[in-house]
Amino acid sequence: MSDLDRFELFTCVAQAKSLSQAATQLGMSKASLSKQIKQLESALKVDLFSRSGYKLTLTIYGETLLKQALRLKHELDETRSICQQFHNEPEGLLRVIVFTHFAKKMIFPRLKPFLQRYPKLRLIIDTSERIPDFEHEQADLAIGFSLPAPNSEEIIQRSMGTTYYVLCASPAYFAEYGFPKTLEDLHQHNYIGHNCRDQVDIKLQPGFTLSIQPYFLVNSVASMIECAKEGLGLVQLPIYKVEELLQEKKLIAVLSEYQRTNEHIYYYYPKYRYVRPSIQKFIDFFIKEIE
């Protein structure tokens, strides 16, 4: 028997506080269980229990080991659950945060066949414009963002494609304020920003930098676009958000030669030792085909 197995036996005895009760729960003899616990104590060279008749009390070493053993048991239970699902359909609750554009274009049109394929999976889809704090929020997967992952040591970040940025405004705005001819000219123009962005740096090609003070901030890309259409200022957005408006001449691009290209769009999920089947199935169904 391995030490790992003995740790599980120890946890059961510690929680039952009785060799007899633990042996019954484990389906083994009391003598066999007692032997395994003594072998664990011998290997560790400490007493894990103080014994008084039939009563077992954890020693200070036993209390320390129990805390770690419970974490280990939780990991093992989850791992066994994962293994049981390798050849079965995923089930349980999956919380997904999707940037609004990708929810509309990529997720919702194909959601029905996905749910039909995995009927035991329960979905919560939050259409949002922010990357969740996976450590403190109940979120399993985030899709469609171009910002670096927060807490990158704890988050898996994968590219799902690339895009490029466009700086644009309405014809009415340029009729009133003129066209900027250089990057420095932008300091004399009104820029509409997003209040979820920690920075006001314009996304530019390598070798160019520009930070400007926003004219005002709004809380969604849709609001940025509406304000730009009304002639309130310039916006810088990925091409997929403004392409139709550019084609219709409702917005006009400027300084295109400076705008950042090959900008990655990411999806993110917590850095587990394994990827939960429900997360992997969602990624495979909705994202893999466009990578």
Protein backbone atom coordinates (compact mmCIF):
# COMPACT_ATOMS: atom_id res chain seq x y z
CA MET A 1 0.00 0.00 0.00
CA SER A 2 1.33 3.44 -0.93
CA ASP A 3 1.70 6.42 1.39
CA LEU A 4 -1.04 8.12 -0.62
CA ASP A 5 -3.45 5.30 0.23
CA ARG A 6 -2.43 5.49 3.89
CA PHE A 7 -3.07 9.24 3.93
CA GLU A 8 -6.64 8.52 2.84
CA LEU A 9 -7.01 5.87 5.56
CA PHE A 10 -5.59 8.30 8.11
CA THR A 11 -8.11 10.97 7.05
CA CYS A 12 -11.01 8.57 7.52
CA VAL A 13 -9.81 7.53 10.99
CA ALA A 14 -9.16 11.14 12.03
CA GLN A 15 -12.65 12.21 10.99
CA ALA A 16 -14.35 9.18 12.56
CA LYS A 17 -12.20 9.44 15.73
CA SER A 18 -12.52 5.68 15.98
CA LEU A 19 -10.70 2.78 14.36
CA SER A 20 -13.84 0.63 14.52
CA GLN A 21 -16.09 3.16 12.81
CA ALA A 22 -13.47 3.98 10.19
CA ALA A 23 -12.87 0.28 9.47
CA THR A 24 -16.61 -0.22 8.95
CA GLN A 25 -16.80 2.76 6.59
CA LEU A 26 -13.80 1.51 4.65
CA GLY A 27 -14.94 -2.12 4.52
CA MET A 28 -11.78 -3.50 6.09
CA SER A 29 -10.87 -5.13 9.38
CA LYS A 30 -9.96 -3.04 12.39
CA ALA A 31 -6.67 -4.93 12.75
CA SER A 32 -5.68 -4.28 9.13
CA LEU A 33 -6.56 -0.60 9.41
CA SER A 34 -4.64 -0.24 12.66
CA LYS A 35 -1.60 -1.84 11.00
CA GLN A 36 -1.68 0.64 8.14
CA ILE A 37 -1.93 3.63 10.49
CA LYS A 38 1.02 2.35 12.54
CA GLN A 39 3.05 1.88 9.36
CA LEU A 40 2.30 5.49 8.39
CA GLU A 41 3.37 6.71 11.83
CA SER A 42 6.52 4.64 11.56
CA ALA A 43 7.33 6.08 8.14
CA LEU A 44 6.77 9.64 9.40
CA LYS A 45 8.53 8.94 12.74
CA VAL A 46 5.79 10.71 14.73
CA ASP A 47 2.65 9.72 16.62
CA LEU A 48 -0.46 10.92 14.79
CA PHE A 49 -2.93 9.84 17.48
CA SER A 50 -2.89 9.67 21.24
CA ARG A 51 -4.78 6.57 22.35
CA SER A 52 -6.87 6.27 25.50
CA GLY A 53 -8.85 3.05 25.46
CA TYR A 54 -11.05 3.11 22.34
CA LYS A 55 -10.79 6.89 21.97
CA LEU A 56 -8.42 8.43 19.46
CA THR A 57 -7.26 12.05 19.68
CA LEU A 58 -5.08 13.74 17.11
CA THR A 59 -1.66 14.87 18.24
CA ILE A 60 -0.28 18.21 17.07
CA TYR A 61 1.41 16.31 14.24
CA GLY A 62 -1.85 14.59 13.38
CA GLU A 63 -3.72 17.91 13.25
CA THR A 64 -1.11 19.36 10.90
CA LEU A 65 -1.23 16.31 8.64
CA LEU A 66 -5.04 16.24 8.60
CA LYS A 67 -5.24 19.77 7.16
CA GLN A 68 -2.99 18.80 4.27
CA ALA A 69 -4.57 15.35 3.87
CA LEU A 70 -8.03 16.91 3.53
CA ARG A 71 -6.77 19.13 0.71
CA LEU A 72 -5.18 16.10 -0.88
CA LYS A 73 -8.41 14.11 -0.53
CA HIS A 74 -10.35 16.93 -2.21
CA GLU A 75 -7.90 16.90 -5.14
CA LEU A 76 -8.11 13.12 -5.40
CA ASP A 77 -11.91 13.12 -5.29
CA GLU A 78 -12.02 15.74 -8.05
CA THR A 79 -9.48 13.83 -10.10
CA ARG A 80 -11.48 10.61 -9.80
CA SER A 81 -14.59 12.51 -10.82
CA ILE A 82 -12.77 13.88 -13.85
CA CYS A 83 -11.54 10.42 -14.83
CA GLN A 84 -15.06 9.03 -14.61
CA GLN A 85 -16.17 11.67 -17.12
CA PHE A 86 -13.46 10.95 -19.71
CA HIS A 87 -15.85 8.77 -21.65
CA ASN A 88 -19.07 10.34 -20.44
CA GLU A 89 -20.80 13.60 -21.20
CA PRO A 90 -19.94 16.61 -19.01
CA GLU A 91 -22.44 17.67 -16.40
CA GLY A 92 -22.90 20.28 -13.70
CA LEU A 93 -22.73 24.08 -13.85
CA LEU A 94 -20.46 25.97 -16.25
CA ARG A 95 -20.17 29.75 -15.92
CA VAL A 96 -18.94 31.49 -19.07
CA ILE A 97 -18.24 35.21 -19.58
CA VAL A 98 -18.26 36.22 -23.25
CA PHE A 99 -17.52 39.56 -24.84
CA THR A 100 -20.83 40.72 -26.30
CA HIS A 101 -19.71 40.64 -29.94
CA PHE A 102 -18.52 37.04 -29.75
CA ALA A 103 -21.58 35.92 -27.83
CA LYS A 104 -23.75 37.24 -30.66
CA LYS A 105 -21.57 36.04 -33.55
CA MET A 106 -20.04 32.83 -32.24
CA ILE A 107 -21.92 31.42 -29.23
CA PHE A 108 -25.65 32.08 -29.51
CA PRO A 109 -26.08 30.88 -33.14
CA ARG A 110 -24.68 27.44 -32.20
CA LEU A 111 -25.86 27.18 -28.61
CA LYS A 112 -28.87 24.96 -29.33
CA PRO A 113 -26.91 22.03 -30.84
CA PHE A 114 -24.34 22.30 -28.03
CA LEU A 115 -27.00 22.01 -25.34
CA GLN A 116 -28.65 19.17 -27.24
CA ARG A 117 -25.33 17.33 -27.33
CA TYR A 118 -24.68 17.84 -23.60
CA PRO A 119 -28.09 17.93 -21.90
CA LYS A 120 -26.66 17.37 -18.40
CA LEU A 121 -24.61 20.55 -18.57
CA ARG A 122 -26.10 23.71 -17.04
CA LEU A 123 -24.85 27.00 -18.48
CA ILE A 124 -24.69 30.52 -17.13
CA ILE A 125 -23.58 32.92 -19.90
CA ASP A 126 -22.67 36.47 -18.90
CA THR A 127 -22.28 38.84 -21.86
CA SER A 128 -19.79 41.34 -20.55
CA GLU A 129 -16.90 43.59 -21.50
CA ARG A 130 -14.54 42.74 -18.68
CA ILE A 131 -12.25 39.85 -17.80
CA PRO A 132 -13.46 38.31 -14.54
CA ASP A 133 -11.36 37.95 -11.42
CA PHE A 134 -11.29 34.15 -11.49
CA GLU A 135 -9.91 33.97 -7.96
CA HIS A 136 -12.80 35.86 -6.37
CA GLU A 137 -15.64 35.46 -8.87
CA GLN A 138 -17.62 32.42 -9.88
CA ALA A 139 -16.40 32.09 -13.45
CA ASP A 140 -14.98 29.11 -15.31
CA LEU A 141 -14.19 30.52 -18.75
CA ALA A 142 -13.88 33.96 -20.39
CA ILE A 143 -13.95 34.43 -24.17
CA GLY A 144 -13.17 37.21 -26.64
CA PHE A 145 -10.92 39.75 -24.89
CA SER A 146 -7.75 41.44 -26.16
CA LEU A 147 -6.37 42.44 -22.77
CA PRO A 148 -3.66 40.43 -20.97
CA ALA A 149 -5.00 38.09 -18.32
CA PRO A 150 -4.97 39.40 -14.75
CA ASN A 151 -3.04 37.22 -12.30
CA SER A 152 -1.32 35.54 -15.23
CA GLU A 153 0.35 33.01 -12.94
CA GLU A 154 -3.07 31.61 -12.05
CA ILE A 155 -4.75 31.90 -15.47
CA ILE A 156 -4.36 30.01 -18.74
CA GLN A 157 -4.51 32.47 -21.67
CA ARG A 158 -4.93 31.16 -25.21
CA SER A 159 -5.22 33.04 -28.50
CA MET A 160 -8.38 32.43 -30.54
CA GLY A 161 -7.37 34.68 -33.43
CA THR A 162 -5.97 38.09 -34.31
CA THR A 163 -7.43 41.43 -35.33
CA TYR A 164 -6.27 44.98 -36.00
CA TYR A 165 -7.34 48.34 -34.61
CA VAL A 166 -9.02 51.27 -36.28
CA LEU A 167 -9.05 54.87 -35.10
CA CYS A 168 -12.17 56.53 -36.45
CA ALA A 169 -14.87 59.16 -36.04
CA SER A 170 -17.93 60.38 -37.90
CA PRO A 171 -17.86 62.67 -40.96
CA ALA A 172 -19.63 65.31 -38.86
CA TYR A 173 -16.84 65.23 -36.27
CA PHE A 174 -14.11 65.69 -38.89
CA ALA A 175 -16.11 68.45 -40.56
CA GLU A 176 -16.05 70.34 -37.24
CA TYR A 177 -12.55 69.50 -35.95
CA GLY A 178 -10.57 68.55 -39.06
CA PHE A 179 -8.54 65.41 -39.70
CA PRO A 180 -5.52 64.62 -37.50
CA LYS A 181 -2.43 64.31 -39.72
CA THR A 182 0.05 63.13 -37.08
CA LEU A 183 -0.17 61.22 -33.82
CA GLU A 184 0.62 64.39 -31.90
CA ASP A 185 -2.44 66.02 -33.47
CA LEU A 186 -4.60 63.63 -31.44
CA HIS A 187 -3.87 65.68 -28.31
CA GLN A 188 -6.04 68.38 -29.87
CA HIS A 189 -8.94 66.00 -30.52
CA ASN A 190 -11.70 64.45 -28.41
CA TYR A 191 -11.16 60.79 -27.58
CA ILE A 192 -13.95 58.59 -26.24
CA GLY A 193 -12.70 55.91 -23.84
CA HIS A 194 -13.98 52.78 -22.08
CA ASN A 195 -14.11 52.94 -18.30
CA CYS A 196 -13.08 49.28 -17.90
CA ARG A 197 -9.66 49.98 -19.39
CA ASP A 198 -6.88 50.67 -16.92
CA GLN A 199 -4.92 52.63 -19.49
CA VAL A 200 -5.56 55.36 -22.05
CA ASP A 201 -2.69 54.39 -24.32
CA ILE A 202 -3.62 54.27 -27.98
CA LYS A 203 -2.79 50.85 -29.44
CA LEU A 204 -0.09 51.53 -32.01
CA GLN A 205 2.51 49.73 -34.07
CA PRO A 206 5.79 48.84 -32.31
CA GLY A 207 8.01 51.89 -31.99
CA PHE A 208 5.12 54.33 -31.45
CA THR A 209 3.50 55.32 -28.16
CA LEU A 210 0.80 57.80 -27.33
CA SER A 211 -1.15 58.43 -24.14
CA ILE A 212 -4.03 60.86 -24.28
CA GLN A 213 -6.63 62.09 -21.83
CA PRO A 214 -10.12 60.86 -22.81
CA TYR A 215 -12.76 63.47 -23.50
CA PHE A 216 -15.12 61.24 -21.52
CA LEU A 217 -15.63 57.55 -20.66
CA VAL A 218 -18.51 55.16 -21.24
CA ASN A 219 -19.05 51.61 -20.00
CA SER A 220 -19.52 49.68 -23.23
CA VAL A 221 -18.18 49.43 -26.76
CA ALA A 222 -21.71 49.91 -28.09
CA SER A 223 -21.88 53.26 -26.26
CA MET A 224 -18.48 54.27 -27.64
CA ILE A 225 -19.74 53.60 -31.16
CA GLU A 226 -23.00 55.49 -30.67
CA CYS A 227 -21.16 58.51 -29.31
CA ALA A 228 -18.73 58.41 -32.23
CA LYS A 229 -21.62 58.25 -34.71
CA GLU A 230 -23.08 61.34 -33.02
CA GLY A 231 -19.88 63.28 -33.71
CA LEU A 232 -18.67 63.46 -30.11
CA GLY A 233 -15.15 62.19 -30.71
CA LEU A 234 -12.72 59.58 -31.95
CA VAL A 235 -12.74 55.93 -30.89
CA GLN A 236 -10.18 53.19 -31.37
CA LEU A 237 -11.72 49.73 -31.71
CA PRO A 238 -11.04 46.35 -33.34
CA ILE A 239 -12.04 46.22 -36.98
CA TYR A 240 -14.77 43.62 -36.41
CA LYS A 241 -16.68 46.16 -34.29
CA VAL A 242 -16.72 48.99 -36.83
CA GLU A 243 -16.23 47.35 -40.24
CA GLU A 244 -19.83 47.79 -41.39
CA LEU A 245 -19.93 51.41 -40.27
CA LEU A 246 -16.70 52.11 -42.16
CA GLN A 247 -18.13 50.53 -45.30
CA GLU A 248 -21.29 52.61 -44.92
CA LYS A 249 -19.18 55.79 -44.42
CA LYS A 250 -20.84 56.43 -41.07
CA LEU A 251 -17.35 56.35 -39.57
CA ILE A 252 -14.05 57.29 -41.24
CA ALA A 253 -10.65 55.79 -40.32
CA VAL A 254 -7.60 58.00 -39.78
CA LEU A 255 -3.88 57.40 -39.20
CA SER A 256 -4.28 53.77 -40.29
CA GLU A 257 -0.55 53.31 -40.87
CA TYR A 258 0.08 53.68 -37.11
CA GLN A 259 -2.65 51.39 -35.81
CA ARG A 260 -1.70 48.12 -34.16
CA THR A 261 -2.13 44.94 -36.21
CA ASN A 262 -1.93 41.24 -35.31
CA GLU A 263 -3.56 41.95 -31.97
CA HIS A 264 -4.52 38.69 -30.29
CA ILE A 265 -8.01 37.88 -29.04
CA TYR A 266 -7.93 35.52 -26.09
CA TYR A 267 -9.92 33.10 -24.05
CA TYR A 268 -9.01 32.37 -20.44
CA TYR A 269 -9.67 29.81 -17.73
CA PRO A 270 -8.18 29.07 -14.30
CA LYS A 271 -4.93 27.14 -14.20
CA TYR A 272 -6.04 23.76 -12.85
CA ARG A 273 -3.85 20.69 -12.85
CA TYR A 274 -6.38 19.41 -15.36
CA VAL A 275 -8.97 21.04 -17.61
CA ARG A 276 -12.49 20.20 -16.55
CA PRO A 277 -14.37 18.23 -19.23
CA SER A 278 -17.15 20.84 -19.39
CA ILE A 279 -14.61 23.60 -20.11
CA GLN A 280 -12.79 21.48 -22.68
CA LYS A 281 -16.03 20.52 -24.47
CA PHE A 282 -17.11 24.18 -24.64
CA ILE A 283 -13.72 25.22 -26.04
CA ASP A 284 -13.70 22.38 -28.56
CA PHE A 285 -17.23 23.12 -29.75
CA PHE A 286 -17.14 26.92 -30.02
CA ILE A 287 -13.50 28.01 -30.28
CA LYS A 288 -11.22 25.36 -31.76
CA GLU A 289 -12.66 25.59 -35.24
CA ILE A 290 -11.72 29.28 -35.58
CA GLU A 291 -8.26 29.10 -34.01
